[in-house]
């Protein structure tokens, strides 16, 4: 009986897709800062649609026709696009494929891919 159970567990592990076994890794604040500082993130947000932003190491961010500020607060990435509005913050997870998942209240609210440097010259 134990051999049958061990064989079944081994078989199940082999036939389960690798992607089902892997879970995105939640990033800490310092990991988020290291990932984006000096780089561009291209992606899509649930409420705002597609975006492409370059994150300067000094906390400035630049998009195709706008600027803003970014900062890391605890384990979240926060944005201010209008000085009269409060910062909006998201947690981040990283998939094994390198996709960033932006989390709002523990729910995926967007995604993105980090591109090295400022390829769009913002």
PDB file of N, CA and C in Angstrom:
ATOM      1  N   UNK A   1       0.815  -1.189   0.000  1.00  0.00           N
ATOM      2  CA  UNK A   1       0.000   0.000   0.000  1.00  0.00           C
ATOM      3  C   UNK A   1       0.864   1.260   0.000  1.00  0.00           C
ATOM      4  N   UNK A   2       1.896   1.280   0.814  1.00  0.00           N
ATOM      5  CA  UNK A   2       2.784   2.448   0.873  1.00  0.00           C
ATOM      6  C   UNK A   2       3.504   2.648  -0.451  1.00  0.00           C
ATOM      7  N   UNK A   3       3.909   1.533  -1.106  1.00  0.00           N
ATOM      8  CA  UNK A   3       4.570   1.665  -2.400  1.00  0.00           C
ATOM      9  C   UNK A   3       3.630   2.271  -3.434  1.00  0.00           C
ATOM     10  N   UNK A   4       2.381   1.846  -3.403  1.00  0.00           N
ATOM     11  CA  UNK A   4       1.401   2.383  -4.341  1.00  0.00           C
ATOM     12  C   UNK A   4       1.193   3.883  -4.108  1.00  0.00           C
ATOM     13  N   UNK A   5       1.117   4.271  -2.845  1.00  0.00           N
ATOM     14  CA  UNK A   5       0.946   5.681  -2.517  1.00  0.00           C
ATOM     15  C   UNK A   5       2.167   6.478  -2.966  1.00  0.00           C
ATOM     16  N   UNK A   6       3.355   5.967  -2.707  1.00  0.00           N
ATOM     17  CA  UNK A   6       4.575   6.659  -3.127  1.00  0.00           C
ATOM     18  C   UNK A   6       4.641   6.767  -4.643  1.00  0.00           C
ATOM     19  N   UNK A   7       4.248   5.716  -5.341  1.00  0.00           N
ATOM     20  CA  UNK A   7       4.256   5.749  -6.802  1.00  0.00           C
ATOM     21  C   UNK A   7       3.253   6.775  -7.314  1.00  0.00           C
ATOM     22  N   UNK A   8       2.079   6.846  -6.689  1.00  0.00           N
ATOM     23  CA  UNK A   8       1.066   7.810  -7.108  1.00  0.00           C
ATOM     24  C   UNK A   8       1.557   9.238  -6.884  1.00  0.00           C
ATOM     25  N   UNK A   9       2.155   9.506  -5.739  1.00  0.00           N
ATOM     26  CA  UNK A   9       2.664  10.852  -5.443  1.00  0.00           C
ATOM     27  C   UNK A   9       3.746  11.235  -6.441  1.00  0.00           C
ATOM     28  N   UNK A  10       4.639  10.318  -6.752  1.00  0.00           N
ATOM     29  CA  UNK A  10       5.685  10.587  -7.742  1.00  0.00           C
ATOM     30  C   UNK A  10       5.083  10.860  -9.108  1.00  0.00           C
ATOM     31  N   UNK A  11       4.114  10.046  -9.516  1.00  0.00           N
ATOM     32  CA  UNK A  11       3.457  10.234 -10.804  1.00  0.00           C
ATOM     33  C   UNK A  11       2.741  11.579 -10.851  1.00  0.00           C
ATOM     34  N   UNK A  12       2.018  11.934  -9.793  1.00  0.00           N
ATOM     35  CA  UNK A  12       1.282  13.203  -9.753  1.00  0.00           C
ATOM     36  C   UNK A  12       2.248  14.382  -9.873  1.00  0.00           C
ATOM     37  N   UNK A  13       3.383  14.293  -9.233  1.00  0.00           N
ATOM     38  CA  UNK A  13       4.370  15.375  -9.321  1.00  0.00           C
ATOM     39  C   UNK A  13       4.918  15.507 -10.730  1.00  0.00           C
ATOM     40  N   UNK A  14       5.079  14.393 -11.406  1.00  0.00           N
ATOM     41  CA  UNK A  14       5.625  14.427 -12.759  1.00  0.00           C
ATOM     42  C   UNK A  14       4.632  14.965 -13.775  1.00  0.00           C
ATOM     43  N   UNK A  15       3.346  14.669 -13.609  1.00  0.00           N
ATOM     44  CA  UNK A  15       2.366  15.094 -14.602  1.00  0.00           C
ATOM     45  C   UNK A  15       1.756  16.462 -14.287  1.00  0.00           C
ATOM     46  N   UNK A  16       1.967  16.977 -13.100  1.00  0.00           N
ATOM     47  CA  UNK A  16       1.464  18.304 -12.763  1.00  0.00           C
ATOM     48  C   UNK A  16       2.313  19.330 -13.495  1.00  0.00           C
ATOM     49  N   UNK A  17       1.693  20.238 -14.237  1.00  0.00           N
ATOM     50  CA  UNK A  17       2.477  21.251 -14.946  1.00  0.00           C
ATOM     51  C   UNK A  17       3.359  22.039 -13.983  1.00  0.00           C
ATOM     52  N   UNK A  18       4.561  22.341 -14.450  1.00  0.00           N
ATOM     53  CA  UNK A  18       5.498  23.082 -13.624  1.00  0.00           C
ATOM     54  C   UNK A  18       4.912  24.405 -13.178  1.00  0.00           C
ATOM     55  N   UNK A  19       4.179  25.084 -14.067  1.00  0.00           N
ATOM     56  CA  UNK A  19       3.617  26.386 -13.716  1.00  0.00           C
ATOM     57  C   UNK A  19       2.618  26.274 -12.574  1.00  0.00           C
ATOM     58  N   UNK A  20       1.949  25.132 -12.441  1.00  0.00           N
ATOM     59  CA  UNK A  20       1.003  24.954 -11.346  1.00  0.00           C
ATOM     60  C   UNK A  20       1.733  24.774 -10.025  1.00  0.00           C
ATOM     61  N   UNK A  21       2.975  24.291 -10.079  1.00  0.00           N
ATOM     62  CA  UNK A  21       3.743  24.081  -8.861  1.00  0.00           C
ATOM     63  C   UNK A  21       4.412  25.364  -8.387  1.00  0.00           C
ATOM     64  N   UNK A  22       4.688  26.272  -9.296  1.00  0.00           N
ATOM     65  CA  UNK A  22       5.406  27.490  -8.950  1.00  0.00           C
ATOM     66  C   UNK A  22       4.430  28.590  -8.577  1.00  0.00           C
ATOM     67  N   UNK A  23       4.728  29.273  -7.511  1.00  0.00           N
ATOM     68  CA  UNK A  23       3.926  30.406  -7.081  1.00  0.00           C
ATOM     69  C   UNK A  23       4.779  31.659  -7.218  1.00  0.00           C
ATOM     70  N   UNK A  24       4.171  32.784  -7.617  1.00  0.00           N
ATOM     71  CA  UNK A  24       4.941  34.030  -7.664  1.00  0.00           C
ATOM     72  C   UNK A  24       5.536  34.329  -6.294  1.00  0.00           C
ATOM     73  N   UNK A  25       6.728  34.893  -6.293  1.00  0.00           N
ATOM     74  CA  UNK A  25       7.418  35.227  -5.049  1.00  0.00           C
ATOM     75  C   UNK A  25       7.107  36.666  -4.672  1.00  0.00           C
ATOM     76  N   UNK A  26       6.579  36.870  -3.466  1.00  0.00           N
ATOM     77  CA  UNK A  26       6.281  38.217  -2.981  1.00  0.00           C
ATOM     78  C   UNK A  26       7.603  38.937  -2.745  1.00  0.00           C
ATOM     79  N   UNK A  27       7.693  40.169  -3.244  1.00  0.00           N
ATOM     80  CA  UNK A  27       8.919  40.957  -3.118  1.00  0.00           C
ATOM     81  C   UNK A  27       8.872  41.860  -1.887  1.00  0.00           C
ATOM     82  N   UNK A  28      10.008  42.026  -1.270  1.00  0.00           N
ATOM     83  CA  UNK A  28      10.145  42.972  -0.166  1.00  0.00           C
ATOM     84  C   UNK A  28      10.340  44.371  -0.743  1.00  0.00           C
ATOM     85  N   UNK A  29      10.212  45.379   0.100  1.00  0.00           N
ATOM     86  CA  UNK A  29      10.438  46.748  -0.352  1.00  0.00           C
ATOM     87  C   UNK A  29      11.799  46.943  -1.000  1.00  0.00           C
ATOM     88  N   UNK A  30      12.884  46.513  -0.354  1.00  0.00           N
ATOM     89  CA  UNK A  30      14.195  46.671  -0.983  1.00  0.00           C
ATOM     90  C   UNK A  30      14.317  45.928  -2.314  1.00  0.00           C
ATOM     91  N   UNK A  31      13.675  44.765  -2.433  1.00  0.00           N
ATOM     92  CA  UNK A  31      13.713  44.032  -3.705  1.00  0.00           C
ATOM     93  C   UNK A  31      12.957  44.796  -4.800  1.00  0.00           C
ATOM     94  N   UNK A  32      11.833  45.413  -4.436  1.00  0.00           N
ATOM     95  CA  UNK A  32      11.081  46.208  -5.409  1.00  0.00           C
ATOM     96  C   UNK A  32      11.947  47.361  -5.899  1.00  0.00           C
ATOM     97  N   UNK A  33      12.575  48.072  -4.977  1.00  0.00           N
ATOM     98  CA  UNK A  33      13.410  49.216  -5.345  1.00  0.00           C
ATOM     99  C   UNK A  33      14.568  48.796  -6.240  1.00  0.00           C
ATOM    100  N   UNK A  34      15.218  47.708  -5.913  1.00  0.00           N
ATOM    101  CA  UNK A  34      16.332  47.214  -6.720  1.00  0.00           C
ATOM    102  C   UNK A  34      15.868  46.823  -8.121  1.00  0.00           C
ATOM    103  N   UNK A  35      14.689  46.222  -8.210  1.00  0.00           N
ATOM    104  CA  UNK A  35      14.162  45.770  -9.487  1.00  0.00           C
ATOM    105  C   UNK A  35      13.858  46.925 -10.431  1.00  0.00           C
ATOM    106  N   UNK A  36      13.254  48.011  -9.919  1.00  0.00           N
ATOM    107  CA  UNK A  36      12.774  49.051 -10.831  1.00  0.00           C
ATOM    108  C   UNK A  36      13.689  50.258 -10.967  1.00  0.00           C
ATOM    109  N   UNK A  37      14.498  50.569  -9.970  1.00  0.00           N
ATOM    110  CA  UNK A  37      15.322  51.782 -10.032  1.00  0.00           C
ATOM    111  C   UNK A  37      16.250  51.748 -11.238  1.00  0.00           C
ATOM    112  N   UNK A  38      16.127  52.766 -12.094  1.00  0.00           N
ATOM    113  CA  UNK A  38      16.951  52.850 -13.289  1.00  0.00           C
ATOM    114  C   UNK A  38      16.428  52.028 -14.456  1.00  0.00           C
ATOM    115  N   UNK A  39      15.223  51.463 -14.299  1.00  0.00           N
ATOM    116  CA  UNK A  39      14.649  50.607 -15.339  1.00  0.00           C
ATOM    117  C   UNK A  39      13.250  51.073 -15.736  1.00  0.00           C
ATOM    118  N   UNK A  40      12.734  50.467 -16.781  1.00  0.00           N
ATOM    119  CA  UNK A  40      11.407  50.753 -17.307  1.00  0.00           C
ATOM    120  C   UNK A  40      10.519  49.545 -17.056  1.00  0.00           C
ATOM    121  N   UNK A  41       9.257  49.807 -16.687  1.00  0.00           N
ATOM    122  CA  UNK A  41       8.283  48.722 -16.558  1.00  0.00           C
ATOM    123  C   UNK A  41       7.178  48.973 -17.580  1.00  0.00           C
ATOM    124  N   UNK A  42       6.863  47.934 -18.350  1.00  0.00           N
ATOM    125  CA  UNK A  42       5.819  47.982 -19.362  1.00  0.00           C
ATOM    126  C   UNK A  42       4.765  46.963 -18.963  1.00  0.00           C
ATOM    127  N   UNK A  43       3.500  47.399 -18.911  1.00  0.00           N
ATOM    128  CA  UNK A  43       2.465  46.460 -18.504  1.00  0.00           C
ATOM    129  C   UNK A  43       1.075  46.995 -18.680  1.00  0.00           C
ATOM    130  N   UNK A  44       0.183  46.472 -17.858  1.00  0.00           N
ATOM    131  CA  UNK A  44      -1.228  46.799 -17.936  1.00  0.00           C
ATOM    132  C   UNK A  44      -1.819  46.780 -16.524  1.00  0.00           C
ATOM    133  N   UNK A  45      -2.600  47.813 -16.196  1.00  0.00           N
ATOM    134  CA  UNK A  45      -3.278  47.884 -14.907  1.00  0.00           C
ATOM    135  C   UNK A  45      -4.775  47.713 -15.120  1.00  0.00           C
ATOM    136  N   UNK A  46      -5.443  47.097 -14.164  1.00  0.00           N
ATOM    137  CA  UNK A  46      -6.873  46.824 -14.290  1.00  0.00           C
ATOM    138  C   UNK A  46      -7.667  48.104 -14.539  1.00  0.00           C
ATOM    139  N   UNK A  47      -7.400  49.148 -13.782  1.00  0.00           N
ATOM    140  CA  UNK A  47      -8.181  50.382 -13.918  1.00  0.00           C
ATOM    141  C   UNK A  47      -7.609  51.334 -14.957  1.00  0.00           C
ATOM    142  N   UNK A  48      -6.290  51.373 -15.102  1.00  0.00           N
ATOM    143  CA  UNK A  48      -5.673  52.373 -15.968  1.00  0.00           C
ATOM    144  C   UNK A  48      -5.259  51.914 -17.341  1.00  0.00           C
ATOM    145  N   UNK A  49      -5.303  50.623 -17.602  1.00  0.00           N
ATOM    146  CA  UNK A  49      -4.910  50.115 -18.905  1.00  0.00           C
ATOM    147  C   UNK A  49      -3.408  50.017 -19.075  1.00  0.00           C
ATOM    148  N   UNK A  50      -2.929  50.055 -20.322  1.00  0.00           N
ATOM    149  CA  UNK A  50      -1.499  49.884 -20.597  1.00  0.00           C
ATOM    150  C   UNK A  50      -0.667  51.053 -20.073  1.00  0.00           C
ATOM    151  N   UNK A  51       0.556  50.737 -19.690  1.00  0.00           N
ATOM    152  CA  UNK A  51       1.486  51.774 -19.233  1.00  0.00           C
ATOM    153  C   UNK A  51       2.909  51.391 -19.598  1.00  0.00           C
ATOM    154  N   UNK A  52       3.759  52.400 -19.648  1.00  0.00           N
ATOM    155  CA  UNK A  52       5.206  52.231 -19.775  1.00  0.00           C
ATOM    156  C   UNK A  52       5.826  53.371 -19.000  1.00  0.00           C
ATOM    157  N   UNK A  53       6.602  53.044 -17.963  1.00  0.00           N
ATOM    158  CA  UNK A  53       7.191  54.069 -17.095  1.00  0.00           C
ATOM    159  C   UNK A  53       8.653  53.765 -16.820  1.00  0.00           C
ATOM    160  N   UNK A  54       9.455  54.823 -16.855  1.00  0.00           N
ATOM    161  CA  UNK A  54      10.871  54.746 -16.493  1.00  0.00           C
ATOM    162  C   UNK A  54      11.015  55.287 -15.076  1.00  0.00           C
ATOM    163  N   UNK A  55      11.680  54.512 -14.201  1.00  0.00           N
ATOM    164  CA  UNK A  55      11.830  54.851 -12.788  1.00  0.00           C
ATOM    165  C   UNK A  55      13.267  55.290 -12.507  1.00  0.00           C
ATOM    166  N   UNK A  56      13.462  56.598 -12.396  1.00  0.00           N
ATOM    167  CA  UNK A  56      14.789  57.108 -12.102  1.00  0.00           C
ATOM    168  C   UNK A  56      15.160  56.755 -10.661  1.00  0.00           C
ATOM    169  N   UNK A  57      16.437  56.538 -10.390  1.00  0.00           N
ATOM    170  CA  UNK A  57      16.855  56.193  -9.031  1.00  0.00           C
ATOM    171  C   UNK A  57      16.528  57.271  -7.985  1.00  0.00           C
ATOM    172  N   UNK A  58      16.322  58.518  -8.415  1.00  0.00           N
ATOM    173  CA  UNK A  58      16.025  59.597  -7.455  1.00  0.00           C
ATOM    174  C   UNK A  58      14.554  59.646  -7.038  1.00  0.00           C
ATOM    175  N   UNK A  59      13.716  58.715  -7.518  1.00  0.00           N
ATOM    176  CA  UNK A  59      12.315  58.688  -7.138  1.00  0.00           C
ATOM    177  C   UNK A  59      11.390  59.374  -8.130  1.00  0.00           C
ATOM    178  N   UNK A  60      11.929  59.857  -9.248  1.00  0.00           N
ATOM    179  CA  UNK A  60      11.108  60.434 -10.307  1.00  0.00           C
ATOM    180  C   UNK A  60      10.704  59.311 -11.256  1.00  0.00           C
ATOM    181  N   UNK A  61       9.501  59.395 -11.804  1.00  0.00           N
ATOM    182  CA  UNK A  61       9.118  58.455 -12.852  1.00  0.00           C
ATOM    183  C   UNK A  61       8.655  59.248 -14.061  1.00  0.00           C
ATOM    184  N   UNK A  62       8.854  58.669 -15.216  1.00  0.00           N
ATOM    185  CA  UNK A  62       8.475  59.327 -16.466  1.00  0.00           C
ATOM    186  C   UNK A  62       7.725  58.343 -17.350  1.00  0.00           C
ATOM    187  N   UNK A  63       6.575  58.826 -17.879  1.00  0.00           N
ATOM    188  CA  UNK A  63       5.805  58.082 -18.861  1.00  0.00           C
ATOM    189  C   UNK A  63       5.867  58.822 -20.181  1.00  0.00           C
ATOM    190  N   UNK A  64       5.075  58.392 -21.151  1.00  0.00           N
ATOM    191  CA  UNK A  64       5.150  59.004 -22.477  1.00  0.00           C
ATOM    192  C   UNK A  64       4.708  60.455 -22.487  1.00  0.00           C
ATOM    193  N   UNK A  65       3.783  60.842 -21.625  1.00  0.00           N
ATOM    194  CA  UNK A  65       3.340  62.245 -21.596  1.00  0.00           C
ATOM    195  C   UNK A  65       3.036  62.720 -20.181  1.00  0.00           C
ATOM    196  N   UNK A  66       3.719  62.153 -19.209  1.00  0.00           N
ATOM    197  CA  UNK A  66       3.505  62.551 -17.818  1.00  0.00           C
ATOM    198  C   UNK A  66       4.738  62.218 -16.980  1.00  0.00           C
ATOM    199  N   UNK A  67       4.807  62.836 -15.814  1.00  0.00           N
ATOM    200  CA  UNK A  67       5.843  62.570 -14.819  1.00  0.00           C
ATOM    201  C   UNK A  67       5.158  62.293 -13.491  1.00  0.00           C
ATOM    202  N   UNK A  68       5.899  61.764 -12.566  1.00  0.00           N
ATOM    203  CA  UNK A  68       5.383  61.520 -11.230  1.00  0.00           C
ATOM    204  C   UNK A  68       6.524  61.194 -10.295  1.00  0.00           C
ATOM    205  N   UNK A  69       6.168  60.723  -9.123  1.00  0.00           N
ATOM    206  CA  UNK A  69       7.151  60.317  -8.115  1.00  0.00           C
ATOM    207  C   UNK A  69       6.842  58.893  -7.687  1.00  0.00           C
ATOM    208  N   UNK A  70       7.893  58.147  -7.407  1.00  0.00           N
ATOM    209  CA  UNK A  70       7.726  56.813  -6.861  1.00  0.00           C
ATOM    210  C   UNK A  70       8.542  56.695  -5.584  1.00  0.00           C
ATOM    211  N   UNK A  71       8.077  55.841  -4.684  1.00  0.00           N
ATOM    212  CA  UNK A  71       8.813  55.548  -3.458  1.00  0.00           C
ATOM    213  C   UNK A  71       8.396  54.167  -2.975  1.00  0.00           C
ATOM    214  N   UNK A  72       9.224  53.599  -2.152  1.00  0.00           N
ATOM    215  CA  UNK A  72       8.900  52.319  -1.542  1.00  0.00           C
ATOM    216  C   UNK A  72       8.556  52.594  -0.088  1.00  0.00           C
ATOM    217  N   UNK A  73       7.382  52.155   0.315  1.00  0.00           N
ATOM    218  CA  UNK A  73       6.927  52.295   1.696  1.00  0.00           C
ATOM    219  C   UNK A  73       6.645  50.886   2.212  1.00  0.00           C
ATOM    220  N   UNK A  74       7.369  50.500   3.231  1.00  0.00           N
ATOM    221  CA  UNK A  74       7.315  49.122   3.735  1.00  0.00           C
ATOM    222  C   UNK A  74       7.579  48.170   2.557  1.00  0.00           C
ATOM    223  N   UNK A  75       6.659  47.313   2.234  1.00  0.00           N
ATOM    224  CA  UNK A  75       6.854  46.369   1.125  1.00  0.00           C
ATOM    225  C   UNK A  75       5.937  46.689  -0.042  1.00  0.00           C
ATOM    226  N   UNK A  76       5.707  47.989  -0.275  1.00  0.00           N
ATOM    227  CA  UNK A  76       4.859  48.407  -1.393  1.00  0.00           C
ATOM    228  C   UNK A  76       5.562  49.483  -2.211  1.00  0.00           C
ATOM    229  N   UNK A  77       5.176  49.557  -3.476  1.00  0.00           N
ATOM    230  CA  UNK A  77       5.638  50.603  -4.378  1.00  0.00           C
ATOM    231  C   UNK A  77       4.524  51.634  -4.469  1.00  0.00           C
ATOM    232  N   UNK A  78       4.859  52.889  -4.154  1.00  0.00           N
ATOM    233  CA  UNK A  78       3.859  53.948  -4.092  1.00  0.00           C
ATOM    234  C   UNK A  78       4.115  54.983  -5.183  1.00  0.00           C
ATOM    235  N   UNK A  79       3.021  55.543  -5.692  1.00  0.00           N
ATOM    236  CA  UNK A  79       3.079  56.507  -6.788  1.00  0.00           C
ATOM    237  C   UNK A  79       2.302  57.760  -6.431  1.00  0.00           C
ATOM    238  N   UNK A  80       2.846  58.900  -6.858  1.00  0.00           N
ATOM    239  CA  UNK A  80       2.130  60.173  -6.793  1.00  0.00           C
ATOM    240  C   UNK A  80       2.268  60.808  -8.170  1.00  0.00           C
ATOM    241  N   UNK A  81       1.134  61.004  -8.819  1.00  0.00           N
ATOM    242  CA  UNK A  81       1.128  61.639 -10.138  1.00  0.00           C
ATOM    243  C   UNK A  81       0.644  63.080 -10.056  1.00  0.00           C
ATOM    244  N   UNK A  82      -0.050  63.401  -8.979  1.00  0.00           N
ATOM    245  CA  UNK A  82      -0.615  64.720  -8.761  1.00  0.00           C
ATOM    246  C   UNK A  82      -0.371  65.064  -7.291  1.00  0.00           C
ATOM    247  N   UNK A  83       0.377  66.116  -7.035  1.00  0.00           N
ATOM    248  CA  UNK A  83       0.767  66.470  -5.659  1.00  0.00           C
ATOM    249  C   UNK A  83      -0.422  66.716  -4.738  1.00  0.00           C
ATOM    250  N   UNK A  84      -1.613  66.929  -5.287  1.00  0.00           N
ATOM    251  CA  UNK A  84      -2.784  67.173  -4.444  1.00  0.00           C
ATOM    252  C   UNK A  84      -3.482  65.877  -4.042  1.00  0.00           C
ATOM    253  N   UNK A  85      -3.059  64.748  -4.607  1.00  0.00           N
ATOM    254  CA  UNK A  85      -3.678  63.452  -4.304  1.00  0.00           C
ATOM    255  C   UNK A  85      -2.728  62.615  -3.452  1.00  0.00           C
ATOM    256  N   UNK A  86      -3.281  61.760  -2.589  1.00  0.00           N
ATOM    257  CA  UNK A  86      -2.415  60.890  -1.785  1.00  0.00           C
ATOM    258  C   UNK A  86      -1.744  59.829  -2.652  1.00  0.00           C
ATOM    259  N   UNK A  87      -0.662  59.310  -2.142  1.00  0.00           N
ATOM    260  CA  UNK A  87       0.051  58.238  -2.850  1.00  0.00           C
ATOM    261  C   UNK A  87      -0.832  56.999  -2.952  1.00  0.00           C
ATOM    262  N   UNK A  88      -0.682  56.286  -4.048  1.00  0.00           N
ATOM    263  CA  UNK A  88      -1.339  54.994  -4.226  1.00  0.00           C
ATOM    264  C   UNK A  88      -0.248  53.932  -4.226  1.00  0.00           C
ATOM    265  N   UNK A  89      -0.472  52.857  -3.477  1.00  0.00           N
ATOM    266  CA  UNK A  89       0.580  51.863  -3.275  1.00  0.00           C
ATOM    267  C   UNK A  89       0.125  50.460  -3.662  1.00  0.00           C
ATOM    268  N   UNK A  90       1.077  49.687  -4.190  1.00  0.00           N
ATOM    269  CA  UNK A  90       0.841  48.303  -4.584  1.00  0.00           C
ATOM    270  C   UNK A  90       1.973  47.431  -4.062  1.00  0.00           C
ATOM    271  N   UNK A  91       1.637  46.238  -3.646  1.00  0.00           N
ATOM    272  CA  UNK A  91       2.636  45.219  -3.379  1.00  0.00           C
ATOM    273  C   UNK A  91       3.048  44.604  -4.703  1.00  0.00           C
ATOM    274  N   UNK A  92       4.084  43.773  -4.678  1.00  0.00           N
ATOM    275  CA  UNK A  92       4.559  43.170  -5.920  1.00  0.00           C
ATOM    276  C   UNK A  92       4.985  41.725  -5.687  1.00  0.00           C
ATOM    277  N   UNK A  93       4.680  40.912  -6.684  1.00  0.00           N
ATOM    278  CA  UNK A  93       5.168  39.535  -6.739  1.00  0.00           C
ATOM    279  C   UNK A  93       5.885  39.361  -8.065  1.00  0.00           C
ATOM    280  N   UNK A  94       6.802  38.427  -8.099  1.00  0.00           N
ATOM    281  CA  UNK A  94       7.571  38.164  -9.311  1.00  0.00           C
ATOM    282  C   UNK A  94       7.400  36.699  -9.685  1.00  0.00           C
ATOM    283  N   UNK A  95       6.976  36.463 -10.941  1.00  0.00           N
ATOM    284  CA  UNK A  95       6.819  35.086 -11.409  1.00  0.00           C
ATOM    285  C   UNK A  95       8.176  34.544 -11.850  1.00  0.00           C
ATOM    286  N   UNK A  96       8.232  33.237 -12.024  1.00  0.00           N
ATOM    287  CA  UNK A  96       9.489  32.623 -12.487  1.00  0.00           C
ATOM    288  C   UNK A  96       9.827  33.059 -13.911  1.00  0.00           C
ATOM    289  N   UNK A  97       8.828  33.534 -14.664  1.00  0.00           N
ATOM    290  CA  UNK A  97       9.064  34.026 -16.025  1.00  0.00           C
ATOM    291  C   UNK A  97       9.511  35.481 -16.044  1.00  0.00           C
ATOM    292  N   UNK A  98       9.589  36.116 -14.862  1.00  0.00           N
ATOM    293  CA  UNK A  98      10.044  37.498 -14.781  1.00  0.00           C
ATOM    294  C   UNK A  98       8.934  38.530 -14.871  1.00  0.00           C
ATOM    295  N   UNK A  99       7.695  38.104 -14.829  1.00  0.00           N
ATOM    296  CA  UNK A  99       6.571  39.040 -14.866  1.00  0.00           C
ATOM    297  C   UNK A  99       6.307  39.569 -13.455  1.00  0.00           C
ATOM    298  N   UNK A 100       6.115  40.879 -13.345  1.00  0.00           N
ATOM    299  CA  UNK A 100       5.763  41.497 -12.074  1.00  0.00           C
ATOM    300  C   UNK A 100       4.244  41.539 -11.981  1.00  0.00           C
ATOM    301  N   UNK A 101       3.711  41.096 -10.856  1.00  0.00           N
ATOM    302  CA  UNK A 101       2.284  41.182 -10.581  1.00  0.00           C
ATOM    303  C   UNK A 101       2.078  42.251  -9.516  1.00  0.00           C
ATOM    304  N   UNK A 102       1.280  43.263  -9.816  1.00  0.00           N
ATOM    305  CA  UNK A 102       0.998  44.350  -8.869  1.00  0.00           C
ATOM    306  C   UNK A 102      -0.224  43.973  -8.052  1.00  0.00           C
ATOM    307  N   UNK A 103      -0.109  44.034  -6.734  1.00  0.00           N
ATOM    308  CA  UNK A 103      -1.145  43.560  -5.825  1.00  0.00           C
ATOM    309  C   UNK A 103      -1.759  44.705  -5.037  1.00  0.00           C
ATOM    310  N   UNK A 104      -3.076  44.785  -5.078  1.00  0.00           N
ATOM    311  CA  UNK A 104      -3.825  45.767  -4.295  1.00  0.00           C
ATOM    312  C   UNK A 104      -4.717  44.977  -3.348  1.00  0.00           C
ATOM    313  N   UNK A 105      -4.497  45.127  -2.050  1.00  0.00           N
ATOM    314  CA  UNK A 105      -5.262  44.370  -1.052  1.00  0.00           C
ATOM    315  C   UNK A 105      -5.194  42.867  -1.305  1.00  0.00           C
ATOM    316  N   UNK A 106      -4.018  42.397  -1.714  1.00  0.00           N
ATOM    317  CA  UNK A 106      -3.796  40.972  -1.924  1.00  0.00           C
ATOM    318  C   UNK A 106      -4.330  40.404  -3.229  1.00  0.00           C
ATOM    319  N   UNK A 107      -4.903  41.256  -4.080  1.00  0.00           N
ATOM    320  CA  UNK A 107      -5.484  40.812  -5.349  1.00  0.00           C
ATOM    321  C   UNK A 107      -4.655  41.389  -6.493  1.00  0.00           C
ATOM    322  N   UNK A 108      -4.410  40.583  -7.535  1.00  0.00           N
ATOM    323  CA  UNK A 108      -3.656  41.066  -8.693  1.00  0.00           C
ATOM    324  C   UNK A 108      -4.444  42.183  -9.367  1.00  0.00           C
ATOM    325  N   UNK A 109      -3.798  43.354  -9.465  1.00  0.00           N
ATOM    326  CA  UNK A 109      -4.445  44.549 -10.025  1.00  0.00           C
ATOM    327  C   UNK A 109      -3.770  44.994 -11.317  1.00  0.00           C
ATOM    328  N   UNK A 110      -2.681  44.338 -11.667  1.00  0.00           N
ATOM    329  CA  UNK A 110      -1.958  44.675 -12.883  1.00  0.00           C
ATOM    330  C   UNK A 110      -0.734  43.794 -13.021  1.00  0.00           C
ATOM    331  N   UNK A 111      -0.026  44.012 -14.127  1.00  0.00           N
ATOM    332  CA  UNK A 111       1.191  43.247 -14.359  1.00  0.00           C
ATOM    333  C   UNK A 111       2.173  44.094 -15.157  1.00  0.00           C
ATOM    334  N   UNK A 112       3.374  43.604 -15.259  1.00  0.00           N
ATOM    335  CA  UNK A 112       4.372  44.313 -16.038  1.00  0.00           C
ATOM    336  C   UNK A 112       5.623  43.486 -16.227  1.00  0.00           C
ATOM    337  N   UNK A 113       6.449  43.956 -17.134  1.00  0.00           N
ATOM    338  CA  UNK A 113       7.744  43.340 -17.404  1.00  0.00           C
ATOM    339  C   UNK A 113       8.785  44.439 -17.307  1.00  0.00           C
ATOM    340  N   UNK A 114       9.862  44.153 -16.621  1.00  0.00           N
ATOM    341  CA  UNK A 114      10.941  45.127 -16.455  1.00  0.00           C
ATOM    342  C   UNK A 114      11.851  45.075 -17.667  1.00  0.00           C
ATOM    343  N   UNK A 115      12.108  46.260 -18.234  1.00  0.00           N
ATOM    344  CA  UNK A 115      13.050  46.399 -19.332  1.00  0.00           C
ATOM    345  C   UNK A 115      14.245  47.200 -18.811  1.00  0.00           C
ATOM    346  N   UNK A 116      15.418  46.766 -19.111  1.00  0.00           N
ATOM    347  CA  UNK A 116      16.625  47.395 -18.606  1.00  0.00           C
ATOM    348  C   UNK A 116      16.762  48.819 -19.134  1.00  0.00           C
ATOM    349  N   UNK A 117      17.058  49.731 -18.226  1.00  0.00           N
ATOM    350  CA  UNK A 117      17.325  51.121 -18.613  1.00  0.00           C
ATOM    351  C   UNK A 117      16.087  51.863 -19.060  1.00  0.00           C
ATOM    352  N   UNK A 118      16.289  52.794 -19.992  1.00  0.00           N
ATOM    353  CA  UNK A 118      15.229  53.671 -20.495  1.00  0.00           C
ATOM    354  C   UNK A 118      15.131  53.549 -22.016  1.00  0.00           C
ATOM    355  N   UNK A 119      14.690  52.398 -22.525  1.00  0.00           N
ATOM    356  CA  UNK A 119      14.702  52.166 -23.967  1.00  0.00           C
ATOM    357  C   UNK A 119      13.821  53.120 -24.763  1.00  0.00           C
ATOM    358  N   UNK A 120      12.804  53.706 -24.147  1.00  0.00           N
ATOM    359  CA  UNK A 120      11.932  54.635 -24.859  1.00  0.00           C
ATOM    360  C   UNK A 120      12.381  56.090 -24.707  1.00  0.00           C
ATOM    361  N   UNK A 121      13.486  56.288 -24.005  1.00  0.00           N
ATOM    362  CA  UNK A 121      14.094  57.626 -23.844  1.00  0.00           C
ATOM    363  C   UNK A 121      13.124  58.638 -23.229  1.00  0.00           C
ATOM    364  N   UNK A 122      12.456  58.239 -22.153  1.00  0.00           N
ATOM    365  CA  UNK A 122      11.577  59.179 -21.456  1.00  0.00           C
ATOM    366  C   UNK A 122      12.389  60.212 -20.724  1.00  0.00           C
TER     367      UNK A 122
END
